[in-house]
Amino acid sequence: MEQTAREGHWRIWVCPEQKIVSFHHETGFQLLEFHKWELFLRCMEWYTEKQYRYQ
């Protein structure tokens, strides 16, 4: 079965000290996993509001 954008599993890696969010594994970064698209989007909005950089 094909997955839609709202089904699945999303991961980001975060470094609060450097204020960076990565969409791929980074050594020393904290892994965050999401099983709900809406929660993932809320988290991205929060990091954007806190002026985190994305890579």
PDB file of N, CA and C in Angstrom:
ATOM      1  N   MET A   1       0.835  -1.175   0.000  1.00  0.00           N
ATOM      2  CA  MET A   1       0.000   0.000   0.000  1.00  0.00           C
ATOM      3  C   MET A   1       0.888   1.248   0.000  1.00  0.00           C
ATOM      4  N   GLU A   2       0.536   2.223  -0.791  1.00  0.00           N
ATOM      5  CA  GLU A   2       1.294   3.463  -0.889  1.00  0.00           C
ATOM      6  C   GLU A   2       0.987   4.375   0.299  1.00  0.00           C
ATOM      7  N   GLN A   3       2.027   4.990   0.857  1.00  0.00           N
ATOM      8  CA  GLN A   3       1.828   5.889   1.994  1.00  0.00           C
ATOM      9  C   GLN A   3       1.528   7.299   1.507  1.00  0.00           C
ATOM     10  N   THR A   4       0.675   7.992   2.221  1.00  0.00           N
ATOM     11  CA  THR A   4       0.409   9.397   1.929  1.00  0.00           C
ATOM     12  C   THR A   4       1.306  10.244   2.814  1.00  0.00           C
ATOM     13  N   ALA A   5       1.283  11.550   2.616  1.00  0.00           N
ATOM     14  CA  ALA A   5       2.106  12.459   3.415  1.00  0.00           C
ATOM     15  C   ALA A   5       1.716  12.431   4.887  1.00  0.00           C
ATOM     16  N   ARG A   6       0.498  11.990   5.193  1.00  0.00           N
ATOM     17  CA  ARG A   6       0.030  12.001   6.573  1.00  0.00           C
ATOM     18  C   ARG A   6       0.222  10.666   7.277  1.00  0.00           C
ATOM     19  N   GLU A   7       0.745   9.675   6.585  1.00  0.00           N
ATOM     20  CA  GLU A   7       0.985   8.369   7.190  1.00  0.00           C
ATOM     21  C   GLU A   7       2.476   8.100   7.178  1.00  0.00           C
ATOM     22  N   GLY A   8       2.976   7.508   8.237  1.00  0.00           N
ATOM     23  CA  GLY A   8       4.371   7.118   8.196  1.00  0.00           C
ATOM     24  C   GLY A   8       5.152   7.459   9.444  1.00  0.00           C
ATOM     25  N   HIS A   9       6.405   7.792   9.198  1.00  0.00           N
ATOM     26  CA  HIS A   9       7.364   7.964  10.266  1.00  0.00           C
ATOM     27  C   HIS A   9       8.344   9.045   9.826  1.00  0.00           C
ATOM     28  N   TRP A  10       8.510  10.077  10.635  1.00  0.00           N
ATOM     29  CA  TRP A  10       9.409  11.175  10.291  1.00  0.00           C
ATOM     30  C   TRP A  10      10.443  11.320  11.392  1.00  0.00           C
ATOM     31  N   ARG A  11      11.674  11.634  10.989  1.00  0.00           N
ATOM     32  CA  ARG A  11      12.781  11.792  11.935  1.00  0.00           C
ATOM     33  C   ARG A  11      13.508  13.100  11.671  1.00  0.00           C
ATOM     34  N   ILE A  12      13.924  13.725  12.765  1.00  0.00           N
ATOM     35  CA  ILE A  12      14.830  14.868  12.676  1.00  0.00           C
ATOM     36  C   ILE A  12      15.866  14.708  13.776  1.00  0.00           C
ATOM     37  N   TRP A  13      16.997  15.352  13.585  1.00  0.00           N
ATOM     38  CA  TRP A  13      18.053  15.369  14.585  1.00  0.00           C
ATOM     39  C   TRP A  13      18.267  16.825  14.975  1.00  0.00           C
ATOM     40  N   VAL A  14      18.351  17.081  16.279  1.00  0.00           N
ATOM     41  CA  VAL A  14      18.379  18.453  16.788  1.00  0.00           C
ATOM     42  C   VAL A  14      19.608  18.676  17.665  1.00  0.00           C
ATOM     43  N   CYS A  15      20.223  19.852  17.495  1.00  0.00           N
ATOM     44  CA  CYS A  15      21.315  20.290  18.366  1.00  0.00           C
ATOM     45  C   CYS A  15      20.898  21.630  18.978  1.00  0.00           C
ATOM     46  N   PRO A  16      20.409  21.604  20.234  1.00  0.00           N
ATOM     47  CA  PRO A  16      19.964  22.852  20.866  1.00  0.00           C
ATOM     48  C   PRO A  16      21.101  23.863  21.070  1.00  0.00           C
ATOM     49  N   GLU A  17      22.300  23.378  21.311  1.00  0.00           N
ATOM     50  CA  GLU A  17      23.425  24.292  21.551  1.00  0.00           C
ATOM     51  C   GLU A  17      23.719  25.154  20.325  1.00  0.00           C
ATOM     52  N   GLN A  18      23.636  24.556  19.139  1.00  0.00           N
ATOM     53  CA  GLN A  18      23.918  25.277  17.896  1.00  0.00           C
ATOM     54  C   GLN A  18      22.648  25.770  17.198  1.00  0.00           C
ATOM     55  N   LYS A  19      21.494  25.394  17.754  1.00  0.00           N
ATOM     56  CA  LYS A  19      20.191  25.741  17.180  1.00  0.00           C
ATOM     57  C   LYS A  19      20.091  25.274  15.717  1.00  0.00           C
ATOM     58  N   ILE A  20      20.319  23.969  15.522  1.00  0.00           N
ATOM     59  CA  ILE A  20      20.268  23.361  14.196  1.00  0.00           C
ATOM     60  C   ILE A  20      19.313  22.176  14.221  1.00  0.00           C
ATOM     61  N   VAL A  21      18.503  22.071  13.180  1.00  0.00           N
ATOM     62  CA  VAL A  21      17.657  20.908  12.936  1.00  0.00           C
ATOM     63  C   VAL A  21      18.158  20.274  11.644  1.00  0.00           C
ATOM     64  N   SER A  22      18.421  18.972  11.690  1.00  0.00           N
ATOM     65  CA  SER A  22      18.900  18.258  10.519  1.00  0.00           C
ATOM     66  C   SER A  22      17.889  17.189  10.121  1.00  0.00           C
ATOM     67  N   PHE A  23      17.782  16.939   8.829  1.00  0.00           N
ATOM     68  CA  PHE A  23      16.883  15.914   8.322  1.00  0.00           C
ATOM     69  C   PHE A  23      17.624  14.613   8.035  1.00  0.00           C
ATOM     70  N   HIS A  24      18.880  14.558   8.441  1.00  0.00           N
ATOM     71  CA  HIS A  24      19.662  13.324   8.332  1.00  0.00           C
ATOM     72  C   HIS A  24      20.514  13.179   9.580  1.00  0.00           C
ATOM     73  N   HIS A  25      21.003  11.980   9.844  1.00  0.00           N
ATOM     74  CA  HIS A  25      21.754  11.698  11.066  1.00  0.00           C
ATOM     75  C   HIS A  25      22.958  12.620  11.202  1.00  0.00           C
ATOM     76  N   GLU A  26      23.125  13.166  12.383  1.00  0.00           N
ATOM     77  CA  GLU A  26      24.282  13.993  12.733  1.00  0.00           C
ATOM     78  C   GLU A  26      24.802  13.512  14.083  1.00  0.00           C
ATOM     79  N   THR A  27      26.068  13.199  14.153  1.00  0.00           N
ATOM     80  CA  THR A  27      26.668  12.746  15.400  1.00  0.00           C
ATOM     81  C   THR A  27      26.543  13.823  16.465  1.00  0.00           C
ATOM     82  N   GLY A  28      26.071  13.411  17.637  1.00  0.00           N
ATOM     83  CA  GLY A  28      25.922  14.327  18.752  1.00  0.00           C
ATOM     84  C   GLY A  28      24.583  15.045  18.798  1.00  0.00           C
ATOM     85  N   PHE A  29      23.773  14.918  17.752  1.00  0.00           N
ATOM     86  CA  PHE A  29      22.459  15.545  17.729  1.00  0.00           C
ATOM     87  C   PHE A  29      21.445  14.589  18.350  1.00  0.00           C
ATOM     88  N   GLN A  30      20.378  15.139  18.919  1.00  0.00           N
ATOM     89  CA  GLN A  30      19.316  14.340  19.524  1.00  0.00           C
ATOM     90  C   GLN A  30      18.307  13.936  18.456  1.00  0.00           C
ATOM     91  N   LEU A  31      17.975  12.657  18.405  1.00  0.00           N
ATOM     92  CA  LEU A  31      16.994  12.142  17.454  1.00  0.00           C
ATOM     93  C   LEU A  31      15.585  12.345  17.993  1.00  0.00           C
ATOM     94  N   LEU A  32      14.708  12.898  17.157  1.00  0.00           N
ATOM     95  CA  LEU A  32      13.285  13.004  17.464  1.00  0.00           C
ATOM     96  C   LEU A  32      12.531  12.256  16.375  1.00  0.00           C
ATOM     97  N   GLU A  33      11.588  11.414  16.770  1.00  0.00           N
ATOM     98  CA  GLU A  33      10.803  10.639  15.815  1.00  0.00           C
ATOM     99  C   GLU A  33       9.325  10.977  15.979  1.00  0.00           C
ATOM    100  N   PHE A  34       8.635  11.043  14.856  1.00  0.00           N
ATOM    101  CA  PHE A  34       7.219  11.393  14.844  1.00  0.00           C
ATOM    102  C   PHE A  34       6.438  10.353  14.062  1.00  0.00           C
ATOM    103  N   HIS A  35       5.263  10.013  14.575  1.00  0.00           N
ATOM    104  CA  HIS A  35       4.382   9.077  13.887  1.00  0.00           C
ATOM    105  C   HIS A  35       3.110   9.770  13.406  1.00  0.00           C
ATOM    106  N   LYS A  36       3.008  11.062  13.702  1.00  0.00           N
ATOM    107  CA  LYS A  36       1.854  11.850  13.246  1.00  0.00           C
ATOM    108  C   LYS A  36       2.358  13.085  12.515  1.00  0.00           C
ATOM    109  N   TRP A  37       1.860  13.266  11.305  1.00  0.00           N
ATOM    110  CA  TRP A  37       2.259  14.377  10.458  1.00  0.00           C
ATOM    111  C   TRP A  37       2.005  15.725  11.127  1.00  0.00           C
ATOM    112  N   GLU A  38       0.855  15.870  11.769  1.00  0.00           N
ATOM    113  CA  GLU A  38       0.501  17.133  12.408  1.00  0.00           C
ATOM    114  C   GLU A  38       1.483  17.502  13.519  1.00  0.00           C
ATOM    115  N   LEU A  39       1.897  16.521  14.297  1.00  0.00           N
ATOM    116  CA  LEU A  39       2.863  16.772  15.363  1.00  0.00           C
ATOM    117  C   LEU A  39       4.219  17.172  14.782  1.00  0.00           C
ATOM    118  N   PHE A  40       4.620  16.503  13.707  1.00  0.00           N
ATOM    119  CA  PHE A  40       5.864  16.859  13.018  1.00  0.00           C
ATOM    120  C   PHE A  40       5.818  18.320  12.554  1.00  0.00           C
ATOM    121  N   LEU A  41       4.710  18.723  11.941  1.00  0.00           N
ATOM    122  CA  LEU A  41       4.586  20.101  11.465  1.00  0.00           C
ATOM    123  C   LEU A  41       4.606  21.109  12.610  1.00  0.00           C
ATOM    124  N   ARG A  42       3.927  20.800  13.698  1.00  0.00           N
ATOM    125  CA  ARG A  42       3.944  21.694  14.871  1.00  0.00           C
ATOM    126  C   ARG A  42       5.362  21.860  15.411  1.00  0.00           C
ATOM    127  N   CYS A  43       6.082  20.772  15.438  1.00  0.00           N
ATOM    128  CA  CYS A  43       7.465  20.822  15.916  1.00  0.00           C
ATOM    129  C   CYS A  43       8.330  21.693  14.990  1.00  0.00           C
ATOM    130  N   MET A  44       8.151  21.547  13.686  1.00  0.00           N
ATOM    131  CA  MET A  44       8.900  22.368  12.723  1.00  0.00           C
ATOM    132  C   MET A  44       8.566  23.850  12.905  1.00  0.00           C
ATOM    133  N   GLU A  45       7.309  24.152  13.154  1.00  0.00           N
ATOM    134  CA  GLU A  45       6.905  25.541  13.401  1.00  0.00           C
ATOM    135  C   GLU A  45       7.575  26.075  14.654  1.00  0.00           C
ATOM    136  N   TRP A  46       7.638  25.251  15.709  1.00  0.00           N
ATOM    137  CA  TRP A  46       8.253  25.683  16.966  1.00  0.00           C
ATOM    138  C   TRP A  46       9.733  26.003  16.751  1.00  0.00           C
ATOM    139  N   TYR A  47      10.455  25.096  16.062  1.00  0.00           N
ATOM    140  CA  TYR A  47      11.882  25.345  15.810  1.00  0.00           C
ATOM    141  C   TYR A  47      12.079  26.576  14.931  1.00  0.00           C
ATOM    142  N   THR A  48      11.198  26.808  13.991  1.00  0.00           N
ATOM    143  CA  THR A  48      11.289  28.001  13.151  1.00  0.00           C
ATOM    144  C   THR A  48      11.094  29.255  13.989  1.00  0.00           C
ATOM    145  N   GLU A  49      10.105  29.248  14.870  1.00  0.00           N
ATOM    146  CA  GLU A  49       9.863  30.396  15.753  1.00  0.00           C
ATOM    147  C   GLU A  49      11.063  30.675  16.647  1.00  0.00           C
ATOM    148  N   LYS A  50      11.774  29.628  17.055  1.00  0.00           N
ATOM    149  CA  LYS A  50      12.951  29.776  17.919  1.00  0.00           C
ATOM    150  C   LYS A  50      14.219  30.064  17.113  1.00  0.00           C
ATOM    151  N   GLN A  51      14.067  30.276  15.808  1.00  0.00           N
ATOM    152  CA  GLN A  51      15.145  30.644  14.883  1.00  0.00           C
ATOM    153  C   GLN A  51      16.229  29.568  14.749  1.00  0.00           C
ATOM    154  N   TYR A  52      15.799  28.317  14.756  1.00  0.00           N
ATOM    155  CA  TYR A  52      16.733  27.237  14.464  1.00  0.00           C
ATOM    156  C   TYR A  52      17.013  27.231  12.970  1.00  0.00           C
ATOM    157  N   ARG A  53      18.223  26.813  12.606  1.00  0.00           N
ATOM    158  CA  ARG A  53      18.580  26.654  11.192  1.00  0.00           C
ATOM    159  C   ARG A  53      18.287  25.215  10.784  1.00  0.00           C
ATOM    160  N   TYR A  54      17.958  25.034   9.527  1.00  0.00           N
ATOM    161  CA  TYR A  54      17.695  23.701   8.992  1.00  0.00           C
ATOM    162  C   TYR A  54      18.810  23.306   8.037  1.00  0.00           C
ATOM    163  N   GLN A  55      19.181  22.027   8.096  1.00  0.00           N
ATOM    164  CA  GLN A  55      20.178  21.526   7.144  1.00  0.00           C
ATOM    165  C   GLN A  55      19.835  20.140   6.708  1.00  0.00           C
TER     166      GLN A  55
END
